[in-house]
């Protein structure tokens, strides 16, 4: 019986701990997918993007990878986007999963902790 990636993902996401972590990382993966698609659309390699922004291919690889522990600055993201013919837009979006009560509790904890 052949197992597919789809089957593996379904089994993994059935585990509550895996589902929580998967959901927690959803925004990061969506952003990484967006920048990888932009680079592919521009028809550039990591080395070509690196040359355009004055860095190394390995630095671009870190920027494009999940879980690298590296959080690029907005300036770095702007330089990367510009090299591809894009611009970066940063905005705050209300988290529908966070209730007002949870927010107040966190604020109180921060003040007293």
PDB file of N, CA and C in Angstrom:
ATOM      1  N   UNK A   1       0.845  -1.178   0.000  1.00  0.00           N
ATOM      2  CA  UNK A   1       0.000   0.000   0.000  1.00  0.00           C
ATOM      3  C   UNK A   1       0.889   1.239   0.000  1.00  0.00           C
ATOM      4  N   UNK A   2       0.856   1.988  -1.067  1.00  0.00           N
ATOM      5  CA  UNK A   2       1.681   3.180  -1.209  1.00  0.00           C
ATOM      6  C   UNK A   2       1.121   4.320  -0.376  1.00  0.00           C
ATOM      7  N   UNK A   3       1.994   5.003   0.305  1.00  0.00           N
ATOM      8  CA  UNK A   3       1.615   6.169   1.106  1.00  0.00           C
ATOM      9  C   UNK A   3       1.992   7.416   0.326  1.00  0.00           C
ATOM     10  N   UNK A   4       1.119   8.368   0.333  1.00  0.00           N
ATOM     11  CA  UNK A   4       1.407   9.608  -0.361  1.00  0.00           C
ATOM     12  C   UNK A   4       1.672  10.709   0.656  1.00  0.00           C
ATOM     13  N   UNK A   5       2.223  11.794   0.165  1.00  0.00           N
ATOM     14  CA  UNK A   5       2.448  12.949   1.033  1.00  0.00           C
ATOM     15  C   UNK A   5       1.124  13.444   1.598  1.00  0.00           C
ATOM     16  N   UNK A   6       0.083  13.392   0.789  1.00  0.00           N
ATOM     17  CA  UNK A   6      -1.249  13.825   1.223  1.00  0.00           C
ATOM     18  C   UNK A   6      -1.730  12.970   2.400  1.00  0.00           C
ATOM     19  N   UNK A   7      -1.518  11.649   2.312  1.00  0.00           N
ATOM     20  CA  UNK A   7      -1.899  10.743   3.410  1.00  0.00           C
ATOM     21  C   UNK A   7      -1.098  11.054   4.669  1.00  0.00           C
ATOM     22  N   UNK A   8       0.201  11.252   4.502  1.00  0.00           N
ATOM     23  CA  UNK A   8       1.070  11.572   5.635  1.00  0.00           C
ATOM     24  C   UNK A   8       0.621  12.859   6.321  1.00  0.00           C
ATOM     25  N   UNK A   9       0.341  13.878   5.507  1.00  0.00           N
ATOM     26  CA  UNK A   9      -0.087  15.157   6.062  1.00  0.00           C
ATOM     27  C   UNK A   9      -1.397  15.000   6.834  1.00  0.00           C
ATOM     28  N   UNK A  10      -2.336  14.260   6.284  1.00  0.00           N
ATOM     29  CA  UNK A  10      -3.624  14.049   6.958  1.00  0.00           C
ATOM     30  C   UNK A  10      -3.427  13.347   8.298  1.00  0.00           C
ATOM     31  N   UNK A  11      -2.576  12.321   8.320  1.00  0.00           N
ATOM     32  CA  UNK A  11      -2.310  11.606   9.578  1.00  0.00           C
ATOM     33  C   UNK A  11      -1.605  12.515  10.586  1.00  0.00           C
ATOM     34  N   UNK A  12      -0.630  13.283  10.113  1.00  0.00           N
ATOM     35  CA  UNK A  12       0.115  14.165  11.009  1.00  0.00           C
ATOM     36  C   UNK A  12      -0.794  15.243  11.595  1.00  0.00           C
ATOM     37  N   UNK A  13      -1.640  15.845  10.747  1.00  0.00           N
ATOM     38  CA  UNK A  13      -2.505  16.938  11.215  1.00  0.00           C
ATOM     39  C   UNK A  13      -3.645  16.447  12.098  1.00  0.00           C
ATOM     40  N   UNK A  14      -3.860  15.148  12.152  1.00  0.00           N
ATOM     41  CA  UNK A  14      -4.849  14.591  13.072  1.00  0.00           C
ATOM     42  C   UNK A  14      -4.350  14.652  14.515  1.00  0.00           C
ATOM     43  N   UNK A  15      -3.045  14.802  14.689  1.00  0.00           N
ATOM     44  CA  UNK A  15      -2.460  14.931  16.028  1.00  0.00           C
ATOM     45  C   UNK A  15      -2.595  16.376  16.487  1.00  0.00           C
ATOM     46  N   UNK A  16      -3.204  16.622  17.644  1.00  0.00           N
ATOM     47  CA  UNK A  16      -3.429  17.999  18.103  1.00  0.00           C
ATOM     48  C   UNK A  16      -2.146  18.831  18.232  1.00  0.00           C
ATOM     49  N   UNK A  17      -1.067  18.230  18.690  1.00  0.00           N
ATOM     50  CA  UNK A  17       0.182  18.987  18.846  1.00  0.00           C
ATOM     51  C   UNK A  17       0.751  19.410  17.492  1.00  0.00           C
ATOM     52  N   UNK A  18       0.669  18.537  16.519  1.00  0.00           N
ATOM     53  CA  UNK A  18       1.154  18.852  15.171  1.00  0.00           C
ATOM     54  C   UNK A  18       0.258  19.914  14.542  1.00  0.00           C
ATOM     55  N   UNK A  19      -1.046  19.784  14.709  1.00  0.00           N
ATOM     56  CA  UNK A  19      -1.996  20.747  14.147  1.00  0.00           C
ATOM     57  C   UNK A  19      -1.748  22.145  14.723  1.00  0.00           C
ATOM     58  N   UNK A  20      -1.519  22.237  16.035  1.00  0.00           N
ATOM     59  CA  UNK A  20      -1.243  23.537  16.667  1.00  0.00           C
ATOM     60  C   UNK A  20      -0.013  24.198  16.059  1.00  0.00           C
ATOM     61  N   UNK A  21       1.055  23.441  15.931  1.00  0.00           N
ATOM     62  CA  UNK A  21       2.294  23.991  15.375  1.00  0.00           C
ATOM     63  C   UNK A  21       2.120  24.355  13.903  1.00  0.00           C
ATOM     64  N   UNK A  22       1.430  23.534  13.157  1.00  0.00           N
ATOM     65  CA  UNK A  22       1.153  23.798  11.740  1.00  0.00           C
ATOM     66  C   UNK A  22       0.366  25.105  11.601  1.00  0.00           C
ATOM     67  N   UNK A  23      -0.655  25.261  12.408  1.00  0.00           N
ATOM     68  CA  UNK A  23      -1.466  26.478  12.367  1.00  0.00           C
ATOM     69  C   UNK A  23      -0.653  27.701  12.796  1.00  0.00           C
ATOM     70  N   UNK A  24       0.217  27.523  13.787  1.00  0.00           N
ATOM     71  CA  UNK A  24       1.044  28.629  14.277  1.00  0.00           C
ATOM     72  C   UNK A  24       1.980  29.137  13.186  1.00  0.00           C
ATOM     73  N   UNK A  25       2.440  28.251  12.332  1.00  0.00           N
ATOM     74  CA  UNK A  25       3.395  28.617  11.289  1.00  0.00           C
ATOM     75  C   UNK A  25       2.748  28.972   9.949  1.00  0.00           C
ATOM     76  N   UNK A  26       1.440  28.946   9.872  1.00  0.00           N
ATOM     77  CA  UNK A  26       0.733  29.145   8.601  1.00  0.00           C
ATOM     78  C   UNK A  26       1.086  30.475   7.941  1.00  0.00           C
ATOM     79  N   UNK A  27       1.112  31.565   8.702  1.00  0.00           N
ATOM     80  CA  UNK A  27       1.417  32.871   8.114  1.00  0.00           C
ATOM     81  C   UNK A  27       2.846  32.932   7.577  1.00  0.00           C
ATOM     82  N   UNK A  28       3.782  32.345   8.317  1.00  0.00           N
ATOM     83  CA  UNK A  28       5.181  32.331   7.862  1.00  0.00           C
ATOM     84  C   UNK A  28       5.312  31.550   6.553  1.00  0.00           C
ATOM     85  N   UNK A  29       4.682  30.391   6.474  1.00  0.00           N
ATOM     86  CA  UNK A  29       4.762  29.590   5.257  1.00  0.00           C
ATOM     87  C   UNK A  29       4.063  30.274   4.089  1.00  0.00           C
ATOM     88  N   UNK A  30       2.967  30.955   4.350  1.00  0.00           N
ATOM     89  CA  UNK A  30       2.272  31.678   3.284  1.00  0.00           C
ATOM     90  C   UNK A  30       3.169  32.787   2.731  1.00  0.00           C
ATOM     91  N   UNK A  31       3.873  33.490   3.621  1.00  0.00           N
ATOM     92  CA  UNK A  31       4.775  34.550   3.172  1.00  0.00           C
ATOM     93  C   UNK A  31       5.934  33.968   2.372  1.00  0.00           C
ATOM     94  N   UNK A  32       6.515  32.877   2.858  1.00  0.00           N
ATOM     95  CA  UNK A  32       7.622  32.246   2.129  1.00  0.00           C
ATOM     96  C   UNK A  32       7.169  31.783   0.753  1.00  0.00           C
ATOM     97  N   UNK A  33       5.984  31.237   0.675  1.00  0.00           N
ATOM     98  CA  UNK A  33       5.436  30.812  -0.614  1.00  0.00           C
ATOM     99  C   UNK A  33       5.309  32.013  -1.552  1.00  0.00           C
ATOM    100  N   UNK A  34       4.872  33.129  -1.004  1.00  0.00           N
ATOM    101  CA  UNK A  34       4.699  34.347  -1.804  1.00  0.00           C
ATOM    102  C   UNK A  34       6.036  34.849  -2.366  1.00  0.00           C
ATOM    103  N   UNK A  35       7.086  34.857  -1.531  1.00  0.00           N
ATOM    104  CA  UNK A  35       8.364  35.372  -2.043  1.00  0.00           C
ATOM    105  C   UNK A  35       9.008  34.400  -3.027  1.00  0.00           C
ATOM    106  N   UNK A  36       8.815  33.098  -2.808  1.00  0.00           N
ATOM    107  CA  UNK A  36       9.363  32.126  -3.754  1.00  0.00           C
ATOM    108  C   UNK A  36       8.660  32.219  -5.111  1.00  0.00           C
ATOM    109  N   UNK A  37       7.344  32.422  -5.090  1.00  0.00           N
ATOM    110  CA  UNK A  37       6.604  32.590  -6.345  1.00  0.00           C
ATOM    111  C   UNK A  37       7.047  33.867  -7.060  1.00  0.00           C
ATOM    112  N   UNK A  38       7.294  34.928  -6.304  1.00  0.00           N
ATOM    113  CA  UNK A  38       7.730  36.198  -6.909  1.00  0.00           C
ATOM    114  C   UNK A  38       9.090  36.016  -7.586  1.00  0.00           C
ATOM    115  N   UNK A  39      10.008  35.296  -6.925  1.00  0.00           N
ATOM    116  CA  UNK A  39      11.330  35.079  -7.528  1.00  0.00           C
ATOM    117  C   UNK A  39      11.215  34.222  -8.776  1.00  0.00           C
ATOM    118  N   UNK A  40      10.371  33.182  -8.714  1.00  0.00           N
ATOM    119  CA  UNK A  40      10.168  32.322  -9.884  1.00  0.00           C
ATOM    120  C   UNK A  40       9.574  33.127 -11.039  1.00  0.00           C
ATOM    121  N   UNK A  41       8.613  33.983 -10.732  1.00  0.00           N
ATOM    122  CA  UNK A  41       7.993  34.817 -11.767  1.00  0.00           C
ATOM    123  C   UNK A  41       9.009  35.774 -12.392  1.00  0.00           C
ATOM    124  N   UNK A  42       9.939  36.255 -11.571  1.00  0.00           N
ATOM    125  CA  UNK A  42      10.977  37.153 -12.073  1.00  0.00           C
ATOM    126  C   UNK A  42      12.036  36.392 -12.873  1.00  0.00           C
ATOM    127  N   UNK A  43      12.046  35.064 -12.732  1.00  0.00           N
ATOM    128  CA  UNK A  43      12.995  34.244 -13.474  1.00  0.00           C
ATOM    129  C   UNK A  43      14.424  34.380 -12.987  1.00  0.00           C
ATOM    130  N   UNK A  44      14.576  34.638 -11.688  1.00  0.00           N
ATOM    131  CA  UNK A  44      15.917  34.852 -11.121  1.00  0.00           C
ATOM    132  C   UNK A  44      16.306  33.715 -10.188  1.00  0.00           C
ATOM    133  N   UNK A  45      17.585  33.411 -10.166  1.00  0.00           N
ATOM    134  CA  UNK A  45      18.114  32.455  -9.201  1.00  0.00           C
ATOM    135  C   UNK A  45      18.421  33.199  -7.904  1.00  0.00           C
ATOM    136  N   UNK A  46      18.676  32.452  -6.846  1.00  0.00           N
ATOM    137  CA  UNK A  46      19.081  33.079  -5.585  1.00  0.00           C
ATOM    138  C   UNK A  46      20.359  33.881  -5.775  1.00  0.00           C
ATOM    139  N   UNK A  47      21.280  33.362  -6.548  1.00  0.00           N
ATOM    140  CA  UNK A  47      22.552  34.054  -6.786  1.00  0.00           C
ATOM    141  C   UNK A  47      22.319  35.374  -7.520  1.00  0.00           C
ATOM    142  N   UNK A  48      21.390  35.379  -8.473  1.00  0.00           N
ATOM    143  CA  UNK A  48      21.103  36.610  -9.213  1.00  0.00           C
ATOM    144  C   UNK A  48      20.446  37.659  -8.315  1.00  0.00           C
ATOM    145  N   UNK A  49      19.533  37.226  -7.442  1.00  0.00           N
ATOM    146  CA  UNK A  49      18.916  38.160  -6.489  1.00  0.00           C
ATOM    147  C   UNK A  49      19.993  38.701  -5.546  1.00  0.00           C
ATOM    148  N   UNK A  50      20.847  37.816  -5.070  1.00  0.00           N
ATOM    149  CA  UNK A  50      21.921  38.224  -4.162  1.00  0.00           C
ATOM    150  C   UNK A  50      22.797  39.294  -4.803  1.00  0.00           C
ATOM    151  N   UNK A  51      23.169  39.104  -6.057  1.00  0.00           N
ATOM    152  CA  UNK A  51      24.008  40.081  -6.754  1.00  0.00           C
ATOM    153  C   UNK A  51      23.294  41.429  -6.861  1.00  0.00           C
ATOM    154  N   UNK A  52      21.997  41.394  -7.103  1.00  0.00           N
ATOM    155  CA  UNK A  52      21.231  42.638  -7.238  1.00  0.00           C
ATOM    156  C   UNK A  52      21.131  43.417  -5.927  1.00  0.00           C
ATOM    157  N   UNK A  53      21.116  42.701  -4.803  1.00  0.00           N
ATOM    158  CA  UNK A  53      20.951  43.409  -3.530  1.00  0.00           C
ATOM    159  C   UNK A  53      22.245  43.499  -2.719  1.00  0.00           C
ATOM    160  N   UNK A  54      23.318  42.990  -3.297  1.00  0.00           N
ATOM    161  CA  UNK A  54      24.620  43.127  -2.647  1.00  0.00           C
ATOM    162  C   UNK A  54      24.827  42.218  -1.455  1.00  0.00           C
ATOM    163  N   UNK A  55      24.408  40.969  -1.596  1.00  0.00           N
ATOM    164  CA  UNK A  55      24.623  40.005  -0.527  1.00  0.00           C
ATOM    165  C   UNK A  55      25.039  38.676  -1.148  1.00  0.00           C
ATOM    166  N   UNK A  56      25.029  37.623  -0.363  1.00  0.00           N
ATOM    167  CA  UNK A  56      25.435  36.305  -0.857  1.00  0.00           C
ATOM    168  C   UNK A  56      24.221  35.438  -1.158  1.00  0.00           C
ATOM    169  N   UNK A  57      24.439  34.424  -1.966  1.00  0.00           N
ATOM    170  CA  UNK A  57      23.376  33.464  -2.274  1.00  0.00           C
ATOM    171  C   UNK A  57      22.903  32.788  -0.999  1.00  0.00           C
ATOM    172  N   UNK A  58      23.815  32.474  -0.085  1.00  0.00           N
ATOM    173  CA  UNK A  58      23.411  31.798   1.158  1.00  0.00           C
ATOM    174  C   UNK A  58      22.523  32.695   2.018  1.00  0.00           C
ATOM    175  N   UNK A  59      22.742  34.011   1.980  1.00  0.00           N
ATOM    176  CA  UNK A  59      21.884  34.938   2.728  1.00  0.00           C
ATOM    177  C   UNK A  59      20.473  34.936   2.139  1.00  0.00           C
ATOM    178  N   UNK A  60      20.366  34.877   0.824  1.00  0.00           N
ATOM    179  CA  UNK A  60      19.052  34.808   0.168  1.00  0.00           C
ATOM    180  C   UNK A  60      18.394  33.480   0.501  1.00  0.00           C
ATOM    181  N   UNK A  61      19.153  32.403   0.530  1.00  0.00           N
ATOM    182  CA  UNK A  61      18.599  31.092   0.883  1.00  0.00           C
ATOM    183  C   UNK A  61      18.036  31.112   2.297  1.00  0.00           C
ATOM    184  N   UNK A  62      18.739  31.741   3.238  1.00  0.00           N
ATOM    185  CA  UNK A  62      18.238  31.847   4.613  1.00  0.00           C
ATOM    186  C   UNK A  62      16.945  32.655   4.654  1.00  0.00           C
ATOM    187  N   UNK A  63      16.900  33.745   3.894  1.00  0.00           N
ATOM    188  CA  UNK A  63      15.708  34.587   3.850  1.00  0.00           C
ATOM    189  C   UNK A  63      14.508  33.798   3.323  1.00  0.00           C
ATOM    190  N   UNK A  64      14.758  32.890   2.396  1.00  0.00           N
ATOM    191  CA  UNK A  64      13.686  32.128   1.758  1.00  0.00           C
ATOM    192  C   UNK A  64      13.350  30.817   2.473  1.00  0.00           C
ATOM    193  N   UNK A  65      13.972  30.539   3.600  1.00  0.00           N
ATOM    194  CA  UNK A  65      13.737  29.260   4.260  1.00  0.00           C
ATOM    195  C   UNK A  65      12.991  29.421   5.576  1.00  0.00           C
ATOM    196  N   UNK A  66      12.181  28.427   5.874  1.00  0.00           N
ATOM    197  CA  UNK A  66      11.435  28.413   7.132  1.00  0.00           C
ATOM    198  C   UNK A  66      12.303  27.836   8.237  1.00  0.00           C
ATOM    199  N   UNK A  67      12.072  28.304   9.420  1.00  0.00           N
ATOM    200  CA  UNK A  67      12.740  27.733  10.578  1.00  0.00           C
ATOM    201  C   UNK A  67      14.224  27.997  10.658  1.00  0.00           C
ATOM    202  N   UNK A  68      14.712  28.978   9.902  1.00  0.00           N
ATOM    203  CA  UNK A  68      16.144  29.264   9.946  1.00  0.00           C
ATOM    204  C   UNK A  68      16.507  30.048  11.192  1.00  0.00           C
ATOM    205  N   UNK A  69      15.495  30.531  11.911  1.00  0.00           N
ATOM    206  CA  UNK A  69      15.759  31.339  13.090  1.00  0.00           C
ATOM    207  C   UNK A  69      16.177  32.745  12.730  1.00  0.00           C
ATOM    208  N   UNK A  70      16.124  33.063  11.464  1.00  0.00           N
ATOM    209  CA  UNK A  70      16.552  34.368  10.974  1.00  0.00           C
ATOM    210  C   UNK A  70      15.317  35.208  10.664  1.00  0.00           C
ATOM    211  N   UNK A  71      15.250  36.393  11.243  1.00  0.00           N
ATOM    212  CA  UNK A  71      14.154  37.321  10.949  1.00  0.00           C
ATOM    213  C   UNK A  71      14.735  38.517  10.209  1.00  0.00           C
ATOM    214  N   UNK A  72      14.549  38.570   8.899  1.00  0.00           N
ATOM    215  CA  UNK A  72      15.130  39.672   8.135  1.00  0.00           C
ATOM    216  C   UNK A  72      14.467  41.003   8.494  1.00  0.00           C
ATOM    217  N   UNK A  73      15.220  42.069   8.376  1.00  0.00           N
ATOM    218  CA  UNK A  73      14.677  43.403   8.641  1.00  0.00           C
ATOM    219  C   UNK A  73      13.744  43.803   7.509  1.00  0.00           C
ATOM    220  N   UNK A  74      12.929  44.801   7.773  1.00  0.00           N
ATOM    221  CA  UNK A  74      12.039  45.313   6.729  1.00  0.00           C
ATOM    222  C   UNK A  74      12.877  45.864   5.575  1.00  0.00           C
ATOM    223  N   UNK A  75      13.991  46.495   5.888  1.00  0.00           N
ATOM    224  CA  UNK A  75      14.872  47.026   4.840  1.00  0.00           C
ATOM    225  C   UNK A  75      15.379  45.900   3.934  1.00  0.00           C
ATOM    226  N   UNK A  76      15.772  44.788   4.518  1.00  0.00           N
ATOM    227  CA  UNK A  76      16.234  43.647   3.732  1.00  0.00           C
ATOM    228  C   UNK A  76      15.114  43.121   2.852  1.00  0.00           C
ATOM    229  N   UNK A  77      13.915  43.008   3.406  1.00  0.00           N
ATOM    230  CA  UNK A  77      12.775  42.544   2.609  1.00  0.00           C
ATOM    231  C   UNK A  77      12.465  43.519   1.477  1.00  0.00           C
ATOM    232  N   UNK A  78      12.617  44.815   1.744  1.00  0.00           N
ATOM    233  CA  UNK A  78      12.378  45.821   0.701  1.00  0.00           C
ATOM    234  C   UNK A  78      13.409  45.687  -0.421  1.00  0.00           C
ATOM    235  N   UNK A  79      14.664  45.470  -0.069  1.00  0.00           N
ATOM    236  CA  UNK A  79      15.711  45.306  -1.081  1.00  0.00           C
ATOM    237  C   UNK A  79      15.456  44.049  -1.914  1.00  0.00           C
ATOM    238  N   UNK A  80      15.078  42.963  -1.249  1.00  0.00           N
ATOM    239  CA  UNK A  80      14.766  41.709  -1.935  1.00  0.00           C
ATOM    240  C   UNK A  80      13.603  41.933  -2.903  1.00  0.00           C
ATOM    241  N   UNK A  81      12.523  42.524  -2.404  1.00  0.00           N
ATOM    242  CA  UNK A  81      11.338  42.763  -3.234  1.00  0.00           C
ATOM    243  C   UNK A  81      11.674  43.649  -4.420  1.00  0.00           C
ATOM    244  N   UNK A  82      12.427  44.697  -4.194  1.00  0.00           N
ATOM    245  CA  UNK A  82      12.798  45.625  -5.257  1.00  0.00           C
ATOM    246  C   UNK A  82      13.603  44.914  -6.352  1.00  0.00           C
ATOM    247  N   UNK A  83      14.466  44.007  -5.952  1.00  0.00           N
ATOM    248  CA  UNK A  83      15.267  43.247  -6.922  1.00  0.00           C
ATOM    249  C   UNK A  83      14.384  42.403  -7.836  1.00  0.00           C
ATOM    250  N   UNK A  84      13.177  42.082  -7.365  1.00  0.00           N
ATOM    251  CA  UNK A  84      12.245  41.271  -8.148  1.00  0.00           C
ATOM    252  C   UNK A  84      11.194  42.111  -8.861  1.00  0.00           C
ATOM    253  N   UNK A  85      11.241  43.418  -8.631  1.00  0.00           N
ATOM    254  CA  UNK A  85      10.240  44.299  -9.228  1.00  0.00           C
ATOM    255  C   UNK A  85       8.975  44.418  -8.401  1.00  0.00           C
ATOM    256  N   UNK A  86       9.095  44.199  -7.108  1.00  0.00           N
ATOM    257  CA  UNK A  86       7.964  44.275  -6.186  1.00  0.00           C
ATOM    258  C   UNK A  86       8.241  45.329  -5.121  1.00  0.00           C
ATOM    259  N   UNK A  87       7.250  45.574  -4.269  1.00  0.00           N
ATOM    260  CA  UNK A  87       7.447  46.378  -3.074  1.00  0.00           C
ATOM    261  C   UNK A  87       6.811  45.639  -1.906  1.00  0.00           C
ATOM    262  N   UNK A  88       7.258  45.957  -0.715  1.00  0.00           N
ATOM    263  CA  UNK A  88       6.757  45.315   0.494  1.00  0.00           C
ATOM    264  C   UNK A  88       5.680  46.201   1.104  1.00  0.00           C
ATOM    265  N   UNK A  89       4.607  45.570   1.548  1.00  0.00           N
ATOM    266  CA  UNK A  89       3.563  46.264   2.299  1.00  0.00           C
ATOM    267  C   UNK A  89       3.438  45.575   3.649  1.00  0.00           C
ATOM    268  N   UNK A  90       3.596  46.340   4.721  1.00  0.00           N
ATOM    269  CA  UNK A  90       3.473  45.800   6.074  1.00  0.00           C
ATOM    270  C   UNK A  90       2.223  46.401   6.691  1.00  0.00           C
ATOM    271  N   UNK A  91       1.381  45.557   7.257  1.00  0.00           N
ATOM    272  CA  UNK A  91       0.171  46.060   7.893  1.00  0.00           C
ATOM    273  C   UNK A  91      -0.216  45.161   9.047  1.00  0.00           C
ATOM    274  N   UNK A  92      -0.968  45.714   9.971  1.00  0.00           N
ATOM    275  CA  UNK A  92      -1.495  44.949  11.088  1.00  0.00           C
ATOM    276  C   UNK A  92      -2.909  44.509  10.743  1.00  0.00           C
ATOM    277  N   UNK A  93      -3.193  43.250  11.035  1.00  0.00           N
ATOM    278  CA  UNK A  93      -4.504  42.686  10.777  1.00  0.00           C
ATOM    279  C   UNK A  93      -5.013  42.113  12.091  1.00  0.00           C
ATOM    280  N   UNK A  94      -6.222  42.467  12.471  1.00  0.00           N
ATOM    281  CA  UNK A  94      -6.810  41.980  13.715  1.00  0.00           C
ATOM    282  C   UNK A  94      -6.856  40.461  13.700  1.00  0.00           C
ATOM    283  N   UNK A  95      -6.388  39.860  14.774  1.00  0.00           N
ATOM    284  CA  UNK A  95      -6.389  38.408  14.925  1.00  0.00           C
ATOM    285  C   UNK A  95      -7.749  37.991  15.446  1.00  0.00           C
ATOM    286  N   UNK A  96      -8.539  37.368  14.615  1.00  0.00           N
ATOM    287  CA  UNK A  96      -9.894  36.980  15.000  1.00  0.00           C
ATOM    288  C   UNK A  96      -9.904  35.907  16.084  1.00  0.00           C
ATOM    289  N   UNK A  97      -8.802  35.201  16.248  1.00  0.00           N
ATOM    290  CA  UNK A  97      -8.730  34.152  17.269  1.00  0.00           C
ATOM    291  C   UNK A  97      -8.475  34.734  18.658  1.00  0.00           C
ATOM    292  N   UNK A  98      -8.019  35.975  18.720  1.00  0.00           N
ATOM    293  CA  UNK A  98      -7.727  36.605  20.003  1.00  0.00           C
ATOM    294  C   UNK A  98      -8.947  37.393  20.453  1.00  0.00           C
ATOM    295  N   UNK A  99      -9.443  37.048  21.600  1.00  0.00           N
ATOM    296  CA  UNK A  99     -10.609  37.757  22.120  1.00  0.00           C
ATOM    297  C   UNK A  99     -10.152  38.950  22.941  1.00  0.00           C
ATOM    298  N   UNK A 100     -11.059  39.864  23.201  1.00  0.00           N
ATOM    299  CA  UNK A 100     -10.746  41.035  24.025  1.00  0.00           C
ATOM    300  C   UNK A 100     -10.318  40.588  25.422  1.00  0.00           C
ATOM    301  N   UNK A 101     -10.964  39.563  25.946  1.00  0.00           N
ATOM    302  CA  UNK A 101     -10.619  39.071  27.286  1.00  0.00           C
ATOM    303  C   UNK A 101      -9.179  38.557  27.306  1.00  0.00           C
ATOM    304  N   UNK A 102      -8.776  37.785  26.291  1.00  0.00           N
ATOM    305  CA  UNK A 102      -7.414  37.270  26.204  1.00  0.00           C
ATOM    306  C   UNK A 102      -6.417  38.415  26.123  1.00  0.00           C
ATOM    307  N   UNK A 103      -6.736  39.429  25.343  1.00  0.00           N
ATOM    308  CA  UNK A 103      -5.855  40.589  25.200  1.00  0.00           C
ATOM    309  C   UNK A 103      -5.694  41.298  26.528  1.00  0.00           C
ATOM    310  N   UNK A 104      -6.802  41.503  27.263  1.00  0.00           N
ATOM    311  CA  UNK A 104      -6.719  42.167  28.567  1.00  0.00           C
ATOM    312  C   UNK A 104      -5.895  41.328  29.530  1.00  0.00           C
ATOM    313  N   UNK A 105      -6.059  40.014  29.501  1.00  0.00           N
ATOM    314  CA  UNK A 105      -5.310  39.129  30.390  1.00  0.00           C
ATOM    315  C   UNK A 105      -3.821  39.226  30.094  1.00  0.00           C
ATOM    316  N   UNK A 106      -3.452  39.226  28.820  1.00  0.00           N
ATOM    317  CA  UNK A 106      -2.046  39.350  28.456  1.00  0.00           C
ATOM    318  C   UNK A 106      -1.485  40.687  28.907  1.00  0.00           C
ATOM    319  N   UNK A 107      -2.224  41.758  28.717  1.00  0.00           N
ATOM    320  CA  UNK A 107      -1.760  43.084  29.118  1.00  0.00           C
ATOM    321  C   UNK A 107      -1.546  43.133  30.622  1.00  0.00           C
ATOM    322  N   UNK A 108      -2.455  42.555  31.393  1.00  0.00           N
ATOM    323  CA  UNK A 108      -2.329  42.539  32.837  1.00  0.00           C
ATOM    324  C   UNK A 108      -1.104  41.740  33.245  1.00  0.00           C
ATOM    325  N   UNK A 109      -0.881  40.610  32.611  1.00  0.00           N
ATOM    326  CA  UNK A 109       0.272  39.771  32.910  1.00  0.00           C
ATOM    327  C   UNK A 109       1.569  40.514  32.636  1.00  0.00           C
ATOM    328  N   UNK A 110       1.618  41.246  31.539  1.00  0.00           N
ATOM    329  CA  UNK A 110       2.822  41.993  31.189  1.00  0.00           C
ATOM    330  C   UNK A 110       3.113  43.060  32.242  1.00  0.00           C
ATOM    331  N   UNK A 111       2.070  43.776  32.705  1.00  0.00           N
ATOM    332  CA  UNK A 111       2.264  44.844  33.690  1.00  0.00           C
ATOM    333  C   UNK A 111       2.728  44.309  35.032  1.00  0.00           C
ATOM    334  N   UNK A 112       2.211  43.149  35.431  1.00  0.00           N
ATOM    335  CA  UNK A 112       2.541  42.635  36.755  1.00  0.00           C
ATOM    336  C   UNK A 112       3.729  41.690  36.751  1.00  0.00           C
ATOM    337  N   UNK A 113       4.070  41.176  35.560  1.00  0.00           N
ATOM    338  CA  UNK A 113       5.125  40.166  35.456  1.00  0.00           C
ATOM    339  C   UNK A 113       6.379  40.792  35.197  1.00  0.00           C
TER     340      UNK A 113
END
